[in-house]
C-alpha atoms as a PDB file:
ATOM      1  CA  MET A   1    -188.824 -29.625-113.655  1.00  0.00           C
ATOM      2  CA  HIS A   2    -190.904 -26.616-114.512  1.00  0.00           C
ATOM      3  CA  LEU A   3    -194.432 -26.711-115.844  1.00  0.00           C
ATOM      4  CA  LYS A   4    -194.889 -25.613-119.470  1.00  0.00           C
ATOM      5  CA  THR A   5    -197.967 -23.399-119.894  1.00  0.00           C
ATOM      6  CA  MET A   6    -199.405 -21.737-123.010  1.00  0.00           C
ATOM      7  CA  LYS A   7    -201.480 -18.582-122.897  1.00  0.00           C
ATOM      8  CA  CYS A   8    -203.594 -17.248-125.739  1.00  0.00           C
ATOM      9  CA  ASN A   9    -203.079 -13.582-126.645  1.00  0.00           C
ATOM     10  CA  PRO A  10    -206.500 -12.137-127.600  1.00  0.00           C
ATOM     11  CA  PHE A  11    -204.915  -9.022-129.196  1.00  0.00           C
ATOM     12  CA  CYS A  12    -202.732 -10.823-131.770  1.00  0.00           C
ATOM     13  CA  LEU A  13    -203.486 -13.012-134.774  1.00  0.00           C
ATOM     14  CA  ILE A  14    -201.045 -15.136-136.758  1.00  0.00           C
ATOM     15  CA  ALA A  15    -201.816 -15.393-140.478  1.00  0.00           C
ATOM     16  CA  SER A  16    -200.514 -18.433-142.350  1.00  0.00           C
ATOM     17  CA  LEU A  17    -199.930 -17.500-146.002  1.00  0.00           C
ATOM     18  CA  GLU A  18    -199.081 -19.923-148.793  1.00  0.00           C
ATOM     19  CA  ASP A  19    -198.205 -17.215-151.322  1.00  0.00           C
ATOM     20  CA  PRO A  20    -194.472 -16.324-151.071  1.00  0.00           C
ATOM     21  CA  ASP A  21    -194.856 -13.399-153.495  1.00  0.00           C
ATOM     22  CA  MET A  22    -196.931 -11.509-150.949  1.00  0.00           C
ATOM     23  CA  PHE A  23    -193.775 -10.925-148.841  1.00  0.00           C
ATOM     24  CA  ASN A  24    -191.864  -9.393-151.769  1.00  0.00           C
ATOM     25  CA  ARG A  25    -194.497  -7.141-153.394  1.00  0.00           C
ATOM     26  CA  PRO A  26    -195.525  -3.944-151.555  1.00  0.00           C
ATOM     27  CA  GLU A  27    -198.829  -3.632-153.456  1.00  0.00           C
ATOM     28  CA  GLN A  28    -199.927  -7.097-152.294  1.00  0.00           C
ATOM     29  CA  ARG A  29    -198.906  -6.223-148.731  1.00  0.00           C
ATOM     30  CA  ALA A  30    -201.008  -3.071-148.882  1.00  0.00           C
ATOM     31  CA  SER A  31    -204.076  -4.974-150.097  1.00  0.00           C
ATOM     32  CA  PHE A  32    -203.551  -7.620-147.370  1.00  0.00           C
ATOM     33  CA  GLU A  33    -203.289  -4.930-144.677  1.00  0.00           C
ATOM     34  CA  ASP A  34    -206.459  -3.235-145.946  1.00  0.00           C
ATOM     35  CA  LEU A  35    -208.438  -6.381-145.044  1.00  0.00           C
ATOM     36  CA  PHE A  36    -207.566  -5.837-141.338  1.00  0.00           C
ATOM     37  CA  HIS A  37    -207.726  -2.020-141.308  1.00  0.00           C
ATOM     38  CA  ALA A  38    -211.485  -2.423-141.735  1.00  0.00           C
ATOM     39  CA  PHE A  39    -211.634  -3.931-138.214  1.00  0.00           C
ATOM     40  CA  ASP A  40    -209.025  -1.731-136.456  1.00  0.00           C
ATOM     41  CA  ARG A  41    -207.441   1.458-137.842  1.00  0.00           C
ATOM     42  CA  ASN A  42    -204.369   1.148-135.550  1.00  0.00           C
ATOM     43  CA  VAL A  43    -203.492  -2.432-136.425  1.00  0.00           C
ATOM     44  CA  THR A  44    -199.782  -3.228-136.955  1.00  0.00           C
ATOM     45  CA  PHE A  45    -198.090  -6.027-138.921  1.00  0.00           C
ATOM     46  CA  GLN A  46    -194.903  -8.055-138.529  1.00  0.00           C
ATOM     47  CA  TYR A  47    -193.837 -10.163-141.519  1.00  0.00           C
ATOM     48  CA  PHE A  48    -191.867 -13.410-141.100  1.00  0.00           C
ATOM     49  CA  LYS A  49    -190.924 -14.363-144.645  1.00  0.00           C
ATOM     50  CA  SER A  50    -188.990 -17.566-143.860  1.00  0.00           C
ATOM     51  CA  PHE A  51    -191.979 -18.936-141.868  1.00  0.00           C
ATOM     52  CA  ARG A  52    -194.592 -17.585-144.300  1.00  0.00           C
ATOM     53  CA  ARG A  53    -196.373 -15.998-141.360  1.00  0.00           C
ATOM     54  CA  VAL A  54    -197.648 -12.513-140.495  1.00  0.00           C
ATOM     55  CA  ARG A  55    -198.287 -11.335-136.937  1.00  0.00           C
ATOM     56  CA  ILE A  56    -201.202  -8.929-136.769  1.00  0.00           C
ATOM     57  CA  ASN A  57    -201.399  -6.800-133.589  1.00  0.00           C
ATOM     58  CA  PHE A  58    -204.759  -5.271-132.708  1.00  0.00           C
ATOM     59  CA  THR A  59    -205.503  -2.621-130.087  1.00  0.00           C
ATOM     60  CA  ASN A  60    -208.853  -4.221-129.248  1.00  0.00           C
ATOM     61  CA  ALA A  61    -209.480  -7.901-128.475  1.00  0.00           C
ATOM     62  CA  LEU A  62    -213.019  -7.732-129.941  1.00  0.00           C
ATOM     63  CA  ALA A  63    -211.656  -6.437-133.241  1.00  0.00           C
ATOM     64  CA  ALA A  64    -209.158  -9.317-133.349  1.00  0.00           C
ATOM     65  CA  ALA A  65    -211.895 -11.875-132.656  1.00  0.00           C
ATOM     66  CA  GLU A  66    -214.176 -10.346-135.307  1.00  0.00           C
ATOM     67  CA  ALA A  67    -211.370 -10.328-137.899  1.00  0.00           C
ATOM     68  CA  ARG A  68    -210.600 -13.989-137.223  1.00  0.00           C
ATOM     69  CA  ALA A  69    -214.274 -14.979-137.454  1.00  0.00           C
ATOM     70  CA  LYS A  70    -214.760 -13.240-140.825  1.00  0.00           C
ATOM     71  CA  LEU A  71    -211.374 -13.793-142.529  1.00  0.00           C
ATOM     72  CA  HIS A  72    -210.329 -17.287-141.339  1.00  0.00           C
ATOM     73  CA  LYS A  73    -209.999 -19.657-144.334  1.00  0.00           C
ATOM     74  CA  SER A  74    -210.894 -16.815-146.684  1.00  0.00           C
ATOM     75  CA  ASP A  75    -209.433 -16.351-150.168  1.00  0.00           C
ATOM     76  CA  PHE A  76    -206.626 -13.833-150.826  1.00  0.00           C
ATOM     77  CA  ASN A  77    -205.157 -13.682-154.366  1.00  0.00           C
ATOM     78  CA  GLY A  78    -206.340 -17.221-155.066  1.00  0.00           C
ATOM     79  CA  ARG A  79    -204.796 -18.671-151.875  1.00  0.00           C
ATOM     80  CA  GLU A  80    -206.389 -19.603-148.549  1.00  0.00           C
ATOM     81  CA  VAL A  81    -205.548 -17.469-145.504  1.00  0.00           C
ATOM     82  CA  ARG A  82    -205.656 -19.155-142.116  1.00  0.00           C
ATOM     83  CA  LEU A  83    -205.797 -17.073-138.931  1.00  0.00           C
ATOM     84  CA  TYR A  84    -204.888 -18.203-135.410  1.00  0.00           C
ATOM     85  CA  PHE A  85    -204.655 -16.438-132.078  1.00  0.00           C
ATOM     86  CA  ALA A  86    -201.039 -15.973-131.028  1.00  0.00           C
ATOM     87  CA  GLN A  87    -199.898 -18.064-128.070  1.00  0.00           C
ATOM     88  CA  SER A  88    -197.144 -17.236-125.620  1.00  0.00           C
ATOM     89  CA  VAL A  89    -195.283 -20.131-124.038  1.00  0.00           C
ATOM     90  CA  HIS A  90    -194.154 -19.832-120.424  1.00  0.00           C
ATOM     91  CA  ILE A  91    -191.814 -22.494-119.057  1.00  0.00           C
ATOM     92  CA  GLY A  92    -191.479 -22.298-115.283  1.00  0.00           C
ATOM     93  CA  SER A  93    -189.308 -19.675-113.653  1.00  0.00           C
ATOM     94  CA  PRO A  94    -187.642 -16.963-115.768  1.00  0.00           C
ATOM     95  CA  HIS A  95    -184.389 -17.608-113.886  1.00  0.00           C
ATOM     96  CA  LEU A  96    -181.936 -20.422-114.563  1.00  0.00           C
ATOM     97  CA  GLU A  97    -181.677 -22.742-111.567  1.00  0.00           C
ATOM     98  CA  PRO A  98    -178.715 -24.922-110.570  1.00  0.00           C
ATOM     99  CA  PRO A  99    -178.899 -28.661-111.284  1.00  0.00           C
ATOM    100  CA  LYS A 100    -180.285 -31.069-108.727  1.00  0.00           C
ATOM    101  CA  PRO A 101    -177.614 -32.061-106.165  1.00  0.00           C
ATOM    102  CA  ASP A 102    -178.080 -35.814-106.717  1.00  0.00           C
ATOM    103  CA  LYS A 103    -176.418 -35.532-110.149  1.00  0.00           C
ATOM    104  CA  GLN A 104    -173.505 -33.282-109.214  1.00  0.00           C
ATOM    105  CA  PHE A 105    -171.138 -36.195-108.600  1.00  0.00           C
ATOM    106  CA  LEU A 106    -171.133 -36.887-112.354  1.00  0.00           C
ATOM    107  CA  LEU A 107    -169.164 -33.686-112.948  1.00  0.00           C
ATOM    108  CA  SER A 108    -165.391 -33.941-113.239  1.00  0.00           C
ATOM    109  CA  PRO A 109    -163.845 -33.233-110.776  1.00  0.00           C
ATOM    110  CA  PRO A 110    -166.780 -33.769-108.434  1.00  0.00           C
ATOM    111  CA  PRO A 111    -167.551 -30.860-106.099  1.00  0.00           C
ATOM    112  CA  SER A 112    -168.666 -33.264-103.393  1.00  0.00           C
ATOM    113  CA  PRO A 113    -168.623 -37.050-103.045  1.00  0.00           C
ATOM    114  CA  PRO A 114    -171.774 -39.001-103.905  1.00  0.00           C
ATOM    115  CA  VAL A 115    -174.146 -40.177-101.218  1.00  0.00           C
ATOM    116  CA  GLY A 116    -172.798 -43.162 -99.263  1.00  0.00           C
ATOM    117  CA  TRP A 117    -169.165 -42.656-100.284  1.00  0.00           C
ATOM    118  CA  GLU A 118    -166.579 -43.363 -97.570  1.00  0.00           C
ATOM    119  CA  GLN A 119    -162.869 -42.791 -97.650  1.00  0.00           C
ATOM    120  CA  SER A 120    -160.823 -45.978 -97.726  1.00  0.00           C
ATOM    121  CA  LYS A 121    -158.293 -46.501 -94.950  1.00  0.00           C
ATOM    122  CA  ASP A 122    -154.618 -46.445 -95.925  1.00  0.00           C
ATOM    123  CA  ALA A 123    -152.791 -49.736 -95.777  1.00  0.00           C
ATOM    124  CA  THR A 124    -149.925 -50.224 -93.319  1.00  0.00           C
ATOM    125  CA  PRO A 125    -146.630 -49.257 -94.989  1.00  0.00           C
ATOM    126  CA  VAL A 126    -144.320 -52.119 -95.908  1.00  0.00           C
ATOM    127  CA  ILE A 127    -140.889 -51.883 -94.254  1.00  0.00           C
ATOM    128  CA  ASN A 128    -138.054 -53.601 -96.084  1.00  0.00           C
ATOM    129  CA  TYR A 129    -135.728 -54.669 -93.250  1.00  0.00           C
ATOM    130  CA  ASP A 130    -133.161 -56.127 -95.662  1.00  0.00           C
ATOM    131  CA  LEU A 131    -132.729 -52.743 -97.289  1.00  0.00           C
ATOM    132  CA  LEU A 132    -132.454 -50.979 -93.920  1.00  0.00           C
ATOM    133  CA  CYS A 133    -129.865 -53.505 -92.771  1.00  0.00           C
ATOM    134  CA  ALA A 134    -127.796 -53.052 -95.936  1.00  0.00           C
ATOM    135  CA  ILE A 135    -127.861 -49.256 -95.585  1.00  0.00           C
ATOM    136  CA  ALA A 136    -126.825 -49.501 -91.915  1.00  0.00           C
ATOM    137  CA  ARG A 137    -123.792 -51.663 -92.812  1.00  0.00           C
ATOM    138  CA  LEU A 138    -122.463 -49.093 -95.240  1.00  0.00           C
ATOM    139  CA  GLY A 139    -119.612 -46.964 -93.961  1.00  0.00           C
ATOM    140  CA  PRO A 140    -117.976 -43.837 -95.401  1.00  0.00           C
ATOM    141  CA  GLY A 141    -115.710 -44.614 -98.358  1.00  0.00           C
ATOM    142  CA  GLU A 142    -117.009 -48.155 -98.772  1.00  0.00           C
ATOM    143  CA  LYS A 143    -118.941 -49.570-101.673  1.00  0.00           C
ATOM    144  CA  TYR A 144    -121.825 -51.992-101.721  1.00  0.00           C
ATOM    145  CA  GLU A 145    -122.902 -54.113-104.652  1.00  0.00           C
ATOM    146  CA  LEU A 146    -126.683 -54.047-104.960  1.00  0.00           C
ATOM    147  CA  GLN A 147    -127.013 -56.131-108.106  1.00  0.00           C
ATOM    148  CA  PRO A 148    -124.263 -58.490-109.236  1.00  0.00           C
ATOM    149  CA  GLY A 149    -123.380 -58.292-112.910  1.00  0.00           C
ATOM    150  CA  THR A 150    -124.201 -60.977-115.451  1.00  0.00           C
ATOM    151  CA  PRO A 151    -122.863 -61.455-118.977  1.00  0.00           C
ATOM    152  CA  THR A 152    -125.814 -59.415-120.330  1.00  0.00           C
ATOM    153  CA  THR A 153    -126.411 -56.856-117.536  1.00  0.00           C
ATOM    154  CA  PRO A 154    -124.102 -54.526-115.606  1.00  0.00           C
ATOM    155  CA  SER A 155    -123.705 -54.642-111.874  1.00  0.00           C
ATOM    156  CA  VAL A 156    -125.175 -51.928-109.669  1.00  0.00           C
ATOM    157  CA  VAL A 157    -122.746 -50.625-107.051  1.00  0.00           C
ATOM    158  CA  VAL A 158    -123.346 -47.904-104.452  1.00  0.00           C
ATOM    159  CA  HIS A 159    -120.318 -45.836-103.401  1.00  0.00           C
ATOM    160  CA  VAL A 160    -120.835 -44.154-100.057  1.00  0.00           C
ATOM    161  CA  CYS A 161    -119.512 -40.586 -99.896  1.00  0.00           C
ATOM    162  CA  GLU A 162    -117.224 -39.449 -97.128  1.00  0.00           C
ATOM    163  CA  ASN A 163    -118.843 -37.531 -94.310  1.00  0.00           C
ATOM    164  CA  ASP A 164    -118.671 -33.737 -94.084  1.00  0.00           C
ATOM    165  CA  GLN A 165    -116.062 -33.548 -91.309  1.00  0.00           C
ATOM    166  CA  GLU A 166    -113.528 -35.636 -93.224  1.00  0.00           C
ATOM    167  CA  ILE A 167    -114.047 -33.620 -96.389  1.00  0.00           C
ATOM    168  CA  SER A 168    -113.671 -30.262 -94.621  1.00  0.00           C
ATOM    169  CA  GLY A 169    -110.560 -31.484 -92.731  1.00  0.00           C
ATOM    170  CA  ASN A 170    -108.849 -32.801 -95.843  1.00  0.00           C
ATOM    171  CA  GLU A 171    -109.465 -29.744 -98.020  1.00  0.00           C
ATOM    172  CA  GLU A 172    -105.877 -28.728 -97.619  1.00  0.00           C
ATOM    173  CA  ASP A 173    -103.284 -31.250 -98.397  1.00  0.00           C
ATOM    174  CA  MET A 174     -99.983 -31.736 -96.458  1.00  0.00           C
ATOM    175  CA  ASP A 175     -98.075 -29.204 -98.552  1.00  0.00           C
ATOM    176  CA  GLY A 176    -100.485 -26.459 -97.512  1.00  0.00           C
ATOM    177  CA  GLY A 177    -102.054 -26.236-100.967  1.00  0.00           C
ATOM    178  CA  ILE A 178    -105.703 -26.769-101.795  1.00  0.00           C
ATOM    179  CA  ARG A 179    -106.542 -30.209-103.057  1.00  0.00           C
ATOM    180  CA  PRO A 180    -107.990 -30.029-106.575  1.00  0.00           C
ATOM    181  CA  ARG A 181    -111.505 -31.229-107.104  1.00  0.00           C
ATOM    182  CA  PRO A 182    -111.808 -34.468-109.026  1.00  0.00           C
ATOM    183  CA  LYS A 183    -112.709 -33.994-112.677  1.00  0.00           C
ATOM    184  CA  ILE A 184    -116.047 -35.463-113.700  1.00  0.00           C
ATOM    185  CA  ILE A 185    -115.530 -37.516-116.818  1.00  0.00           C
ATOM    186  CA  GLN A 186    -118.365 -37.241-119.270  1.00  0.00           C
ATOM    187  CA  THR A 187    -119.958 -40.483-120.343  1.00  0.00           C
ATOM    188  CA  ARG A 188    -119.054 -41.334-123.913  1.00  0.00           C
ATOM    189  CA  ARG A 189    -121.917 -41.234-126.367  1.00  0.00           C
ATOM    190  CA  PRO A 190    -122.654 -44.573-128.042  1.00  0.00           C
ATOM    191  CA  GLU A 191    -121.872 -44.931-131.723  1.00  0.00           C
ATOM    192  CA  TYR A 192    -124.733 -43.985-134.046  1.00  0.00           C
ATOM    193  CA  THR A 193    -126.075 -46.810-136.154  1.00  0.00           C
ATOM    194  CA  PRO A 194    -128.981 -46.045-138.487  1.00  0.00           C
ATOM    195  CA  SER A 195    -131.178 -49.007-137.660  1.00  0.00           C
ATOM    196  CA  VAL A 196    -134.560 -47.516-138.623  1.00  0.00           C
ATOM    197  CA  MET A 197    -135.219 -46.746-142.263  1.00  0.00           C
ATOM    198  CA  GLN A 198    -137.632 -43.885-142.885  1.00  0.00           C
END
C-alpha cells in the first residue's frame, strides 16, 4: 500500500464563500478580485460554484501569505471569508500496479493455483467384466437382451450388425440385381392430449 502525503502549495489560496450570489454577479466578482489585486497584480482566480470555493493563484508566495494574514475571516458583503492554503494530495506511485500475488487465486478462472495446492491423483478405472463378457458373446446377426421387459417398461435389445465382408459380398443378390436397401420406418408420433391448461 502506498503512503498518502499532503503538500501545502504556498502560491495558492482557497477561499470559502457562504454567499452563492457572488458566483452569479460579475460586479461582486470584480469587487472580490480587487481585494487580492492589492497584494499581487498578476493574481488569477478559478471559481467552483458547486463547492462555493474560489482558488486564488499568486505569482509570489509572500503575497499569498500576506493576503491570507490580512483577509482571513474578514467580512465581504456581510459574509465571512475564510482563506486556506491549497494542498495537493500525493498517493504513492503515479502508476497503477498489479495486485499482490497472494490474492490472485480469488479470480475466476485462477491464473495460477494457490499456495500449497496439489493435484489429486486419478482413481483406478472400474472395469465391468460382465459387460465385456456380454459384448464378447455377441455374434454378427444375433441379438442380445440387455433389459428384460416388464408390464410397465419396454425391454432393451441390442441387434448386432453384420460385418463388412458379409455386407459387401451380399450386395448383389442371386439374380444379378442389386439388393434394395431396407426402408427405415419412421416412429409414429404419439397422440396429442392437452393435459396442461394455460
